[in-house]
Amino acid sequence: MAKDETGTRMKRKAYEKELRKLQVELCHLQEFVKEKKLRVIVAFEGRDAAGKGGTIRAITEKVSPRVFRVTALPAPSDREKTQIFFQRYMQHFPAGGEIVIFDRSWYNRAGVEYVMGFCTPAEHQRFLSLCPEMEKYIVDAGIILIKLWLEVGMEEQERRFTARIDDPLRQWKLSPMDTESYRRWYDYSRARDLMLKATNSKHAPWTIVRSDDKRRARLNCIAHLLKSIPYKRIKKDKVKLPKRSDKGRYNDQTGLRGMTFVEARY
């Protein structure tokens, strides 16, 4: 299993304790975002098996999907290929009171599309030159833009891929594109470095997250997210359940007689 720089892996009990504290804060952040009508984009990028999905689940597990929206776009359709490159992403941008999490984003063009030859070198270079300008437009429009790159090491990626091969619950995570990305480790490293150099701007900087230890990576990501969005706890009156009315008292189980119930196998 992965270890941190001190040589120890975070224990599950300690992880779950810290995760609960951070998830409580995410709930407070949620209320602040709703009340202030903030618009937030969180772009998750990184190598395959870097832990993006698990980190996103840890963020969204205890909050409302109406506030925290996760967007994971498939390969572009023939129609989308004829559009302006950013077009299919912009239609998912947040309205007031929303945090949109991109599980991979427009940076596909700087990663898989470039490495696998799905775009031309000219299209790749055009993306790198125009992306900072586009993100300046996004930020100037009042949207908070947070860009995270999860960096997993070569040995840890191999361990995770092997675990997926042997686990029927995770085999769906392995696609031909994943195995090809595994083979082209150094091509992706070069593409990553080109991307970071060209798009790490003052108005939209990248933050790198070491993710060999998944648990620490998740906690660090959430802590960074909370730090990146200035928020205050919203005071609300405690909810009290009203007394149920006895007016029109009715045996609410009568109408279920004769209906088919799921088999009680457990």
C-alpha atoms as a PDB file:
ATOM      1  CA  MET A   1       0.000   0.000   0.000  1.00  0.00           C
ATOM      2  CA  ALA A   2       1.019   3.579  -0.625  1.00  0.00           C
ATOM      3  CA  LYS A   3       2.906   5.472   2.038  1.00  0.00           C
ATOM      4  CA  ASP A   4       3.542   9.152   2.585  1.00  0.00           C
ATOM      5  CA  GLU A   5       6.917  10.874   2.772  1.00  0.00           C
ATOM      6  CA  THR A   6       7.318   9.759   6.391  1.00  0.00           C
ATOM      7  CA  GLY A   7       6.976   6.131   5.317  1.00  0.00           C
ATOM      8  CA  THR A   8       3.614   5.471   6.961  1.00  0.00           C
ATOM      9  CA  ARG A   9       0.169   5.012   5.478  1.00  0.00           C
ATOM     10  CA  MET A  10      -2.738   6.823   7.111  1.00  0.00           C
ATOM     11  CA  LYS A  11      -4.894   4.508   9.197  1.00  0.00           C
ATOM     12  CA  ARG A  12      -8.558   4.146   8.294  1.00  0.00           C
ATOM     13  CA  LYS A  13      -9.838   5.190  11.729  1.00  0.00           C
ATOM     14  CA  ALA A  14      -7.794   8.408  11.722  1.00  0.00           C
ATOM     15  CA  TYR A  15      -8.839   9.081   8.124  1.00  0.00           C
ATOM     16  CA  GLU A  16     -12.548   8.644   8.807  1.00  0.00           C
ATOM     17  CA  LYS A  17     -12.334  10.900  11.875  1.00  0.00           C
ATOM     18  CA  GLU A  18     -10.704  13.721   9.914  1.00  0.00           C
ATOM     19  CA  LEU A  19     -12.944  13.166   6.905  1.00  0.00           C
ATOM     20  CA  ARG A  20     -16.069  13.646   9.011  1.00  0.00           C
ATOM     21  CA  LYS A  21     -14.755  16.984  10.328  1.00  0.00           C
ATOM     22  CA  LEU A  22     -14.049  18.187   6.798  1.00  0.00           C
ATOM     23  CA  GLN A  23     -17.401  16.975   5.505  1.00  0.00           C
ATOM     24  CA  VAL A  24     -19.142  18.982   8.217  1.00  0.00           C
ATOM     25  CA  GLU A  25     -17.280  22.050   6.949  1.00  0.00           C
ATOM     26  CA  LEU A  26     -18.319  21.211   3.395  1.00  0.00           C
ATOM     27  CA  CYS A  27     -21.936  21.357   4.566  1.00  0.00           C
ATOM     28  CA  HIS A  28     -21.316  24.810   6.028  1.00  0.00           C
ATOM     29  CA  LEU A  29     -19.619  25.851   2.782  1.00  0.00           C
ATOM     30  CA  GLN A  30     -22.638  24.582   0.887  1.00  0.00           C
ATOM     31  CA  GLU A  31     -25.019  26.832   2.817  1.00  0.00           C
ATOM     32  CA  PHE A  32     -22.761  29.843   2.285  1.00  0.00           C
ATOM     33  CA  VAL A  33     -22.507  29.181  -1.453  1.00  0.00           C
ATOM     34  CA  LYS A  34     -26.286  28.899  -1.676  1.00  0.00           C
ATOM     35  CA  GLU A  35     -26.976  32.072   0.287  1.00  0.00           C
ATOM     36  CA  LYS A  36     -24.338  34.191  -1.462  1.00  0.00           C
ATOM     37  CA  LYS A  37     -25.115  32.726  -4.907  1.00  0.00           C
ATOM     38  CA  LEU A  38     -21.452  31.941  -5.467  1.00  0.00           C
ATOM     39  CA  ARG A  39     -20.316  30.165  -8.628  1.00  0.00           C
ATOM     40  CA  VAL A  40     -17.441  27.721  -8.292  1.00  0.00           C
ATOM     41  CA  ILE A  41     -15.645  25.386 -10.696  1.00  0.00           C
ATOM     42  CA  VAL A  42     -13.304  22.670  -9.430  1.00  0.00           C
ATOM     43  CA  ALA A  43     -11.342  20.975 -12.222  1.00  0.00           C
ATOM     44  CA  PHE A  44      -9.842  17.604 -11.282  1.00  0.00           C
ATOM     45  CA  GLU A  45      -7.032  16.350 -13.494  1.00  0.00           C
ATOM     46  CA  GLY A  46      -4.318  13.746 -13.095  1.00  0.00           C
ATOM     47  CA  ARG A  47      -3.013  10.465 -14.374  1.00  0.00           C
ATOM     48  CA  ASP A  48      -5.270   7.443 -14.649  1.00  0.00           C
ATOM     49  CA  ALA A  49      -5.674   5.766 -11.234  1.00  0.00           C
ATOM     50  CA  ALA A  50      -4.517   8.940  -9.465  1.00  0.00           C
ATOM     51  CA  GLY A  51      -7.620   8.868  -7.249  1.00  0.00           C
ATOM     52  CA  LYS A  52      -9.833  11.550  -8.802  1.00  0.00           C
ATOM     53  CA  GLY A  53     -13.037   9.538  -8.517  1.00  0.00           C
ATOM     54  CA  GLY A  54     -12.533   8.586  -4.870  1.00  0.00           C
ATOM     55  CA  THR A  55     -11.639  12.148  -3.930  1.00  0.00           C
ATOM     56  CA  ILE A  56     -14.724  13.518  -5.667  1.00  0.00           C
ATOM     57  CA  ARG A  57     -16.903  10.957  -3.881  1.00  0.00           C
ATOM     58  CA  ALA A  58     -15.410  11.999  -0.527  1.00  0.00           C
ATOM     59  CA  ILE A  59     -16.280  15.629  -1.325  1.00  0.00           C
ATOM     60  CA  THR A  60     -19.822  14.990  -2.507  1.00  0.00           C
ATOM     61  CA  GLU A  61     -20.838  12.126  -0.187  1.00  0.00           C
ATOM     62  CA  LYS A  62     -22.619  14.266   2.433  1.00  0.00           C
ATOM     63  CA  VAL A  63     -23.693  17.331   0.443  1.00  0.00           C
ATOM     64  CA  SER A  64     -26.558  18.137  -1.910  1.00  0.00           C
ATOM     65  CA  PRO A  65     -26.158  17.179  -5.587  1.00  0.00           C
ATOM     66  CA  ARG A  66     -28.144  20.327  -6.360  1.00  0.00           C
ATOM     67  CA  VAL A  67     -25.261  22.424  -5.057  1.00  0.00           C
ATOM     68  CA  PHE A  68     -22.287  20.151  -5.773  1.00  0.00           C
ATOM     69  CA  ARG A  69     -22.744  18.995  -9.369  1.00  0.00           C
ATOM     70  CA  VAL A  70     -20.301  16.482 -10.813  1.00  0.00           C
ATOM     71  CA  THR A  71     -19.654  16.592 -14.550  1.00  0.00           C
ATOM     72  CA  ALA A  72     -17.781  13.787 -16.306  1.00  0.00           C
ATOM     73  CA  LEU A  73     -18.182  14.221 -20.046  1.00  0.00           C
ATOM     74  CA  PRO A  74     -17.824  11.294 -22.460  1.00  0.00           C
ATOM     75  CA  ALA A  75     -15.894  11.500 -25.723  1.00  0.00           C
ATOM     76  CA  PRO A  76     -17.279  14.286 -27.927  1.00  0.00           C
ATOM     77  CA  SER A  77     -19.998  13.409 -30.434  1.00  0.00           C
ATOM     78  CA  ASP A  78     -19.600  14.115 -34.140  1.00  0.00           C
ATOM     79  CA  ARG A  79     -21.650  17.279 -33.657  1.00  0.00           C
ATOM     80  CA  GLU A  80     -19.574  18.423 -30.666  1.00  0.00           C
ATOM     81  CA  LYS A  81     -16.382  17.926 -32.662  1.00  0.00           C
ATOM     82  CA  THR A  82     -17.539  20.728 -34.977  1.00  0.00           C
ATOM     83  CA  GLN A  83     -18.150  23.161 -32.109  1.00  0.00           C
ATOM     84  CA  ILE A  84     -15.759  25.617 -30.505  1.00  0.00           C
ATOM     85  CA  PHE A  85     -13.619  23.443 -28.237  1.00  0.00           C
ATOM     86  CA  PHE A  86     -14.759  25.007 -24.944  1.00  0.00           C
ATOM     87  CA  GLN A  87     -18.429  24.990 -25.957  1.00  0.00           C
ATOM     88  CA  ARG A  88     -19.450  21.616 -24.576  1.00  0.00           C
ATOM     89  CA  TYR A  89     -17.814  22.408 -21.243  1.00  0.00           C
ATOM     90  CA  MET A  90     -19.299  25.872 -20.820  1.00  0.00           C
ATOM     91  CA  GLN A  91     -22.859  24.577 -20.950  1.00  0.00           C
ATOM     92  CA  HIS A  92     -22.114  22.827 -17.637  1.00  0.00           C
ATOM     93  CA  PHE A  93     -20.722  25.920 -15.903  1.00  0.00           C
ATOM     94  CA  PRO A  94     -22.363  26.868 -12.578  1.00  0.00           C
ATOM     95  CA  ALA A  95     -25.247  29.207 -11.981  1.00  0.00           C
ATOM     96  CA  GLY A  96     -25.522  31.129  -8.721  1.00  0.00           C
ATOM     97  CA  GLY A  97     -25.335  28.849  -5.690  1.00  0.00           C
ATOM     98  CA  GLU A  98     -23.591  25.975  -7.461  1.00  0.00           C
ATOM     99  CA  ILE A  99     -20.219  24.230  -7.282  1.00  0.00           C
ATOM    100  CA  VAL A 100     -19.455  22.266 -10.435  1.00  0.00           C
ATOM    101  CA  ILE A 101     -16.794  19.575 -10.153  1.00  0.00           C
ATOM    102  CA  PHE A 102     -15.282  18.490 -13.450  1.00  0.00           C
ATOM    103  CA  ASP A 103     -14.026  14.909 -13.326  1.00  0.00           C
ATOM    104  CA  ARG A 104     -11.579  15.698 -16.117  1.00  0.00           C
ATOM    105  CA  SER A 105     -12.166  18.931 -17.958  1.00  0.00           C
ATOM    106  CA  TRP A 106     -11.149  20.925 -21.003  1.00  0.00           C
ATOM    107  CA  TYR A 107      -7.609  19.851 -20.143  1.00  0.00           C
ATOM    108  CA  ASN A 108      -8.333  16.597 -21.960  1.00  0.00           C
ATOM    109  CA  ARG A 109      -6.934  18.416 -24.970  1.00  0.00           C
ATOM    110  CA  ALA A 110      -3.588  18.847 -23.217  1.00  0.00           C
ATOM    111  CA  GLY A 111      -3.546  15.230 -22.014  1.00  0.00           C
ATOM    112  CA  VAL A 112      -5.237  12.260 -23.626  1.00  0.00           C
ATOM    113  CA  GLU A 113      -6.143  14.037 -26.865  1.00  0.00           C
ATOM    114  CA  TYR A 114      -2.587  15.218 -27.390  1.00  0.00           C
ATOM    115  CA  VAL A 115      -0.834  11.998 -26.355  1.00  0.00           C
ATOM    116  CA  MET A 116      -3.207   9.689 -28.246  1.00  0.00           C
ATOM    117  CA  GLY A 117      -3.285  11.829 -31.393  1.00  0.00           C
ATOM    118  CA  PHE A 118      -6.971  12.788 -31.138  1.00  0.00           C
ATOM    119  CA  CYS A 119      -6.055  16.388 -31.899  1.00  0.00           C
ATOM    120  CA  THR A 120      -3.419  17.851 -34.186  1.00  0.00           C
ATOM    121  CA  PRO A 121      -0.209  19.439 -32.860  1.00  0.00           C
ATOM    122  CA  ALA A 122      -1.574  22.792 -34.047  1.00  0.00           C
ATOM    123  CA  GLU A 123      -4.820  22.292 -32.116  1.00  0.00           C
ATOM    124  CA  HIS A 124      -2.835  21.330 -29.026  1.00  0.00           C
ATOM    125  CA  GLN A 125      -0.629  24.416 -29.274  1.00  0.00           C
ATOM    126  CA  ARG A 126      -3.641  26.647 -29.888  1.00  0.00           C
ATOM    127  CA  PHE A 127      -5.298  25.261 -26.758  1.00  0.00           C
ATOM    128  CA  LEU A 128      -2.233  25.915 -24.608  1.00  0.00           C
ATOM    129  CA  SER A 129      -1.984  29.504 -25.848  1.00  0.00           C
ATOM    130  CA  LEU A 130      -5.685  30.348 -25.556  1.00  0.00           C
ATOM    131  CA  CYS A 131      -6.512  28.474 -22.335  1.00  0.00           C
ATOM    132  CA  PRO A 132      -5.105  31.135 -19.939  1.00  0.00           C
ATOM    133  CA  GLU A 133      -7.098  33.809 -21.778  1.00  0.00           C
ATOM    134  CA  MET A 134     -10.266  31.712 -21.562  1.00  0.00           C
ATOM    135  CA  GLU A 135      -9.732  31.109 -17.854  1.00  0.00           C
ATOM    136  CA  LYS A 136      -9.152  34.841 -17.357  1.00  0.00           C
ATOM    137  CA  TYR A 137     -12.579  35.405 -18.881  1.00  0.00           C
ATOM    138  CA  ILE A 138     -14.073  32.823 -16.501  1.00  0.00           C
ATOM    139  CA  VAL A 139     -12.472  34.372 -13.416  1.00  0.00           C
ATOM    140  CA  ASP A 140     -13.293  37.935 -14.487  1.00  0.00           C
ATOM    141  CA  ALA A 141     -16.927  36.852 -14.783  1.00  0.00           C
ATOM    142  CA  GLY A 142     -16.895  36.201 -11.028  1.00  0.00           C
ATOM    143  CA  ILE A 143     -16.489  32.423 -11.067  1.00  0.00           C
ATOM    144  CA  ILE A 144     -14.087  30.902  -8.534  1.00  0.00           C
ATOM    145  CA  LEU A 145     -11.853  28.518 -10.503  1.00  0.00           C
ATOM    146  CA  ILE A 146      -9.862  25.844  -8.667  1.00  0.00           C
ATOM    147  CA  LYS A 147      -7.564  23.536 -10.663  1.00  0.00           C
ATOM    148  CA  LEU A 148      -6.180  20.385  -9.034  1.00  0.00           C
ATOM    149  CA  TRP A 149      -3.673  17.931 -10.483  1.00  0.00           C
ATOM    150  CA  LEU A 150      -3.440  14.588  -8.656  1.00  0.00           C
ATOM    151  CA  GLU A 151       0.039  13.142  -9.079  1.00  0.00           C
ATOM    152  CA  VAL A 152       0.476   9.418  -8.527  1.00  0.00           C
ATOM    153  CA  GLY A 153       3.830   7.656  -8.785  1.00  0.00           C
ATOM    154  CA  MET A 154       4.718   5.016 -11.346  1.00  0.00           C
ATOM    155  CA  GLU A 155       4.847   2.118  -8.889  1.00  0.00           C
ATOM    156  CA  GLU A 156       1.622   3.091  -7.151  1.00  0.00           C
ATOM    157  CA  GLN A 157      -0.226   3.439 -10.452  1.00  0.00           C
ATOM    158  CA  GLU A 158       0.910  -0.050 -11.420  1.00  0.00           C
ATOM    159  CA  ARG A 159      -0.270  -1.420  -8.075  1.00  0.00           C
ATOM    160  CA  ARG A 160      -3.703   0.168  -8.531  1.00  0.00           C
ATOM    161  CA  PHE A 161      -4.071  -1.085 -12.083  1.00  0.00           C
ATOM    162  CA  THR A 162      -3.144  -4.592 -10.971  1.00  0.00           C
ATOM    163  CA  ALA A 163      -5.687  -4.412  -8.149  1.00  0.00           C
ATOM    164  CA  ARG A 164      -8.373  -3.438 -10.660  1.00  0.00           C
ATOM    165  CA  ILE A 165      -7.522  -6.396 -12.877  1.00  0.00           C
ATOM    166  CA  ASP A 166      -7.960  -8.796  -9.945  1.00  0.00           C
ATOM    167  CA  ASP A 167     -11.102  -7.210  -8.466  1.00  0.00           C
ATOM    168  CA  PRO A 168     -14.435  -7.866 -10.262  1.00  0.00           C
ATOM    169  CA  LEU A 169     -15.904  -4.803  -8.535  1.00  0.00           C
ATOM    170  CA  ARG A 170     -13.287  -2.542 -10.107  1.00  0.00           C
ATOM    171  CA  GLN A 171     -12.610  -4.151 -13.465  1.00  0.00           C
ATOM    172  CA  TRP A 172     -15.009  -1.704 -15.102  1.00  0.00           C
ATOM    173  CA  LYS A 173     -12.514   1.048 -14.262  1.00  0.00           C
ATOM    174  CA  LEU A 174      -9.973  -0.413 -16.696  1.00  0.00           C
ATOM    175  CA  SER A 175     -10.470   0.556 -20.328  1.00  0.00           C
ATOM    176  CA  PRO A 176      -8.181   0.081 -23.348  1.00  0.00           C
ATOM    177  CA  MET A 177      -7.396   3.796 -23.007  1.00  0.00           C
ATOM    178  CA  ASP A 178      -6.231   3.218 -19.423  1.00  0.00           C
ATOM    179  CA  THR A 179      -3.876   0.415 -20.360  1.00  0.00           C
ATOM    180  CA  GLU A 180      -2.511   2.489 -23.224  1.00  0.00           C
ATOM    181  CA  SER A 181      -1.917   5.427 -20.874  1.00  0.00           C
ATOM    182  CA  TYR A 182      -0.035   3.016 -18.597  1.00  0.00           C
ATOM    183  CA  ARG A 183       2.232   2.080 -21.493  1.00  0.00           C
ATOM    184  CA  ARG A 184       2.855   5.725 -22.406  1.00  0.00           C
ATOM    185  CA  TRP A 185       3.886   6.953 -18.955  1.00  0.00           C
ATOM    186  CA  TYR A 186       6.635   9.245 -20.192  1.00  0.00           C
ATOM    187  CA  ASP A 187       4.542  10.689 -23.029  1.00  0.00           C
ATOM    188  CA  TYR A 188       1.971  11.709 -20.418  1.00  0.00           C
ATOM    189  CA  SER A 189       4.721  13.135 -18.221  1.00  0.00           C
ATOM    190  CA  ARG A 190       5.896  15.393 -21.049  1.00  0.00           C
ATOM    191  CA  ALA A 191       2.324  16.405 -21.864  1.00  0.00           C
ATOM    192  CA  ARG A 192       1.696  17.225 -18.199  1.00  0.00           C
ATOM    193  CA  ASP A 193       4.769  19.429 -18.005  1.00  0.00           C
ATOM    194  CA  LEU A 194       3.862  21.305 -21.200  1.00  0.00           C
ATOM    195  CA  MET A 195       0.362  21.865 -19.829  1.00  0.00           C
ATOM    196  CA  LEU A 196       1.479  23.090 -16.415  1.00  0.00           C
ATOM    197  CA  LYS A 197       4.061  25.452 -17.885  1.00  0.00           C
ATOM    198  CA  ALA A 198       1.588  27.016 -20.316  1.00  0.00           C
ATOM    199  CA  THR A 199      -1.518  27.228 -18.099  1.00  0.00           C
ATOM    200  CA  ASN A 200      -0.249  27.852 -14.557  1.00  0.00           C
ATOM    201  CA  SER A 201      -1.344  31.486 -14.449  1.00  0.00           C
ATOM    202  CA  LYS A 202      -1.674  33.981 -11.633  1.00  0.00           C
ATOM    203  CA  HIS A 203      -5.457  34.193 -12.084  1.00  0.00           C
ATOM    204  CA  ALA A 204      -5.910  30.402 -12.434  1.00  0.00           C
ATOM    205  CA  PRO A 205      -2.992  28.554 -10.817  1.00  0.00           C
ATOM    206  CA  TRP A 206      -2.546  24.818 -10.606  1.00  0.00           C
ATOM    207  CA  THR A 207      -2.256  23.036  -7.268  1.00  0.00           C
ATOM    208  CA  ILE A 208      -0.497  19.655  -7.252  1.00  0.00           C
ATOM    209  CA  VAL A 209      -1.708  16.942  -4.893  1.00  0.00           C
ATOM    210  CA  ARG A 210       0.510  13.975  -4.068  1.00  0.00           C
ATOM    211  CA  SER A 211      -1.887  11.027  -4.205  1.00  0.00           C
ATOM    212  CA  ASP A 212       0.159   7.892  -3.540  1.00  0.00           C
ATOM    213  CA  ASP A 213      -1.674   7.768  -0.208  1.00  0.00           C
ATOM    214  CA  LYS A 214      -5.317   8.059  -1.253  1.00  0.00           C
ATOM    215  CA  ARG A 215      -6.586   8.918   2.199  1.00  0.00           C
ATOM    216  CA  ARG A 216      -4.183  11.775   2.755  1.00  0.00           C
ATOM    217  CA  ALA A 217      -4.804  13.023  -0.777  1.00  0.00           C
ATOM    218  CA  ARG A 218      -8.562  13.179  -0.211  1.00  0.00           C
ATOM    219  CA  LEU A 219      -8.213  15.051   3.061  1.00  0.00           C
ATOM    220  CA  ASN A 220      -5.672  17.466   1.591  1.00  0.00           C
ATOM    221  CA  CYS A 221      -7.898  18.152  -1.417  1.00  0.00           C
ATOM    222  CA  ILE A 222     -10.929  18.920   0.740  1.00  0.00           C
ATOM    223  CA  ALA A 223      -8.894  21.126   3.066  1.00  0.00           C
ATOM    224  CA  HIS A 224      -7.540  23.035   0.071  1.00  0.00           C
ATOM    225  CA  LEU A 225     -11.025  23.425  -1.368  1.00  0.00           C
ATOM    226  CA  LEU A 226     -12.334  24.853   1.908  1.00  0.00           C
ATOM    227  CA  LYS A 227      -9.382  27.230   2.088  1.00  0.00           C
ATOM    228  CA  SER A 228      -9.867  28.380  -1.512  1.00  0.00           C
ATOM    229  CA  ILE A 229     -13.472  29.533  -1.027  1.00  0.00           C
ATOM    230  CA  PRO A 230     -13.783  32.136   1.740  1.00  0.00           C
ATOM    231  CA  TYR A 231     -16.918  31.225   3.667  1.00  0.00           C
ATOM    232  CA  LYS A 232     -18.601  31.787   6.978  1.00  0.00           C
ATOM    233  CA  ARG A 233     -21.006  29.598   8.871  1.00  0.00           C
ATOM    234  CA  ILE A 234     -24.602  30.590   8.232  1.00  0.00           C
ATOM    235  CA  LYS A 235     -26.677  30.770  11.405  1.00  0.00           C
ATOM    236  CA  LYS A 236     -29.989  28.991  11.038  1.00  0.00           C
ATOM    237  CA  ASP A 237     -32.801  28.204  13.427  1.00  0.00           C
ATOM    238  CA  LYS A 238     -32.841  24.576  14.500  1.00  0.00           C
ATOM    239  CA  VAL A 239     -35.475  22.609  12.637  1.00  0.00           C
ATOM    240  CA  LYS A 240     -38.318  21.302  14.781  1.00  0.00           C
ATOM    241  CA  LEU A 241     -40.670  18.604  13.611  1.00  0.00           C
ATOM    242  CA  PRO A 242     -44.318  19.712  13.845  1.00  0.00           C
ATOM    243  CA  LYS A 243     -46.890  17.562  15.630  1.00  0.00           C
ATOM    244  CA  ARG A 244     -48.620  15.176  13.243  1.00  0.00           C
ATOM    245  CA  SER A 245     -52.257  15.984  12.705  1.00  0.00           C
ATOM    246  CA  ASP A 246     -54.830  13.357  13.646  1.00  0.00           C
ATOM    247  CA  LYS A 247     -57.356  14.978  11.328  1.00  0.00           C
ATOM    248  CA  GLY A 248     -58.484  12.517   8.683  1.00  0.00           C
ATOM    249  CA  ARG A 249     -56.898   9.624  10.536  1.00  0.00           C
ATOM    250  CA  TYR A 250     -56.344   6.749   8.137  1.00  0.00           C
ATOM    251  CA  ASN A 251     -54.868   3.251   8.157  1.00  0.00           C
ATOM    252  CA  ASP A 252     -52.121   3.908   5.651  1.00  0.00           C
ATOM    253  CA  GLN A 253     -51.201   0.213   5.341  1.00  0.00           C
ATOM    254  CA  THR A 254     -54.614  -0.872   4.031  1.00  0.00           C
ATOM    255  CA  GLY A 255     -53.911   0.320   0.521  1.00  0.00           C
ATOM    256  CA  LEU A 256     -50.776  -1.852   0.336  1.00  0.00           C
ATOM    257  CA  ARG A 257     -52.649  -5.119   0.802  1.00  0.00           C
ATOM    258  CA  GLY A 258     -52.429  -7.348  -2.237  1.00  0.00           C
ATOM    259  CA  MET A 259     -49.445  -5.449  -3.648  1.00  0.00           C
ATOM    260  CA  THR A 260     -46.204  -7.179  -4.597  1.00  0.00           C
ATOM    261  CA  PHE A 261     -43.333  -6.613  -2.174  1.00  0.00           C
ATOM    262  CA  VAL A 262     -39.679  -7.252  -2.783  1.00  0.00           C
ATOM    263  CA  GLU A 263     -38.616 -10.699  -1.637  1.00  0.00           C
ATOM    264  CA  ALA A 264     -37.294 -10.574   1.945  1.00  0.00           C
ATOM    265  CA  ARG A 265     -34.056 -12.412   1.343  1.00  0.00           C
ATOM    266  CA  TYR A 266     -32.168 -10.700   4.179  1.00  0.00           C
END
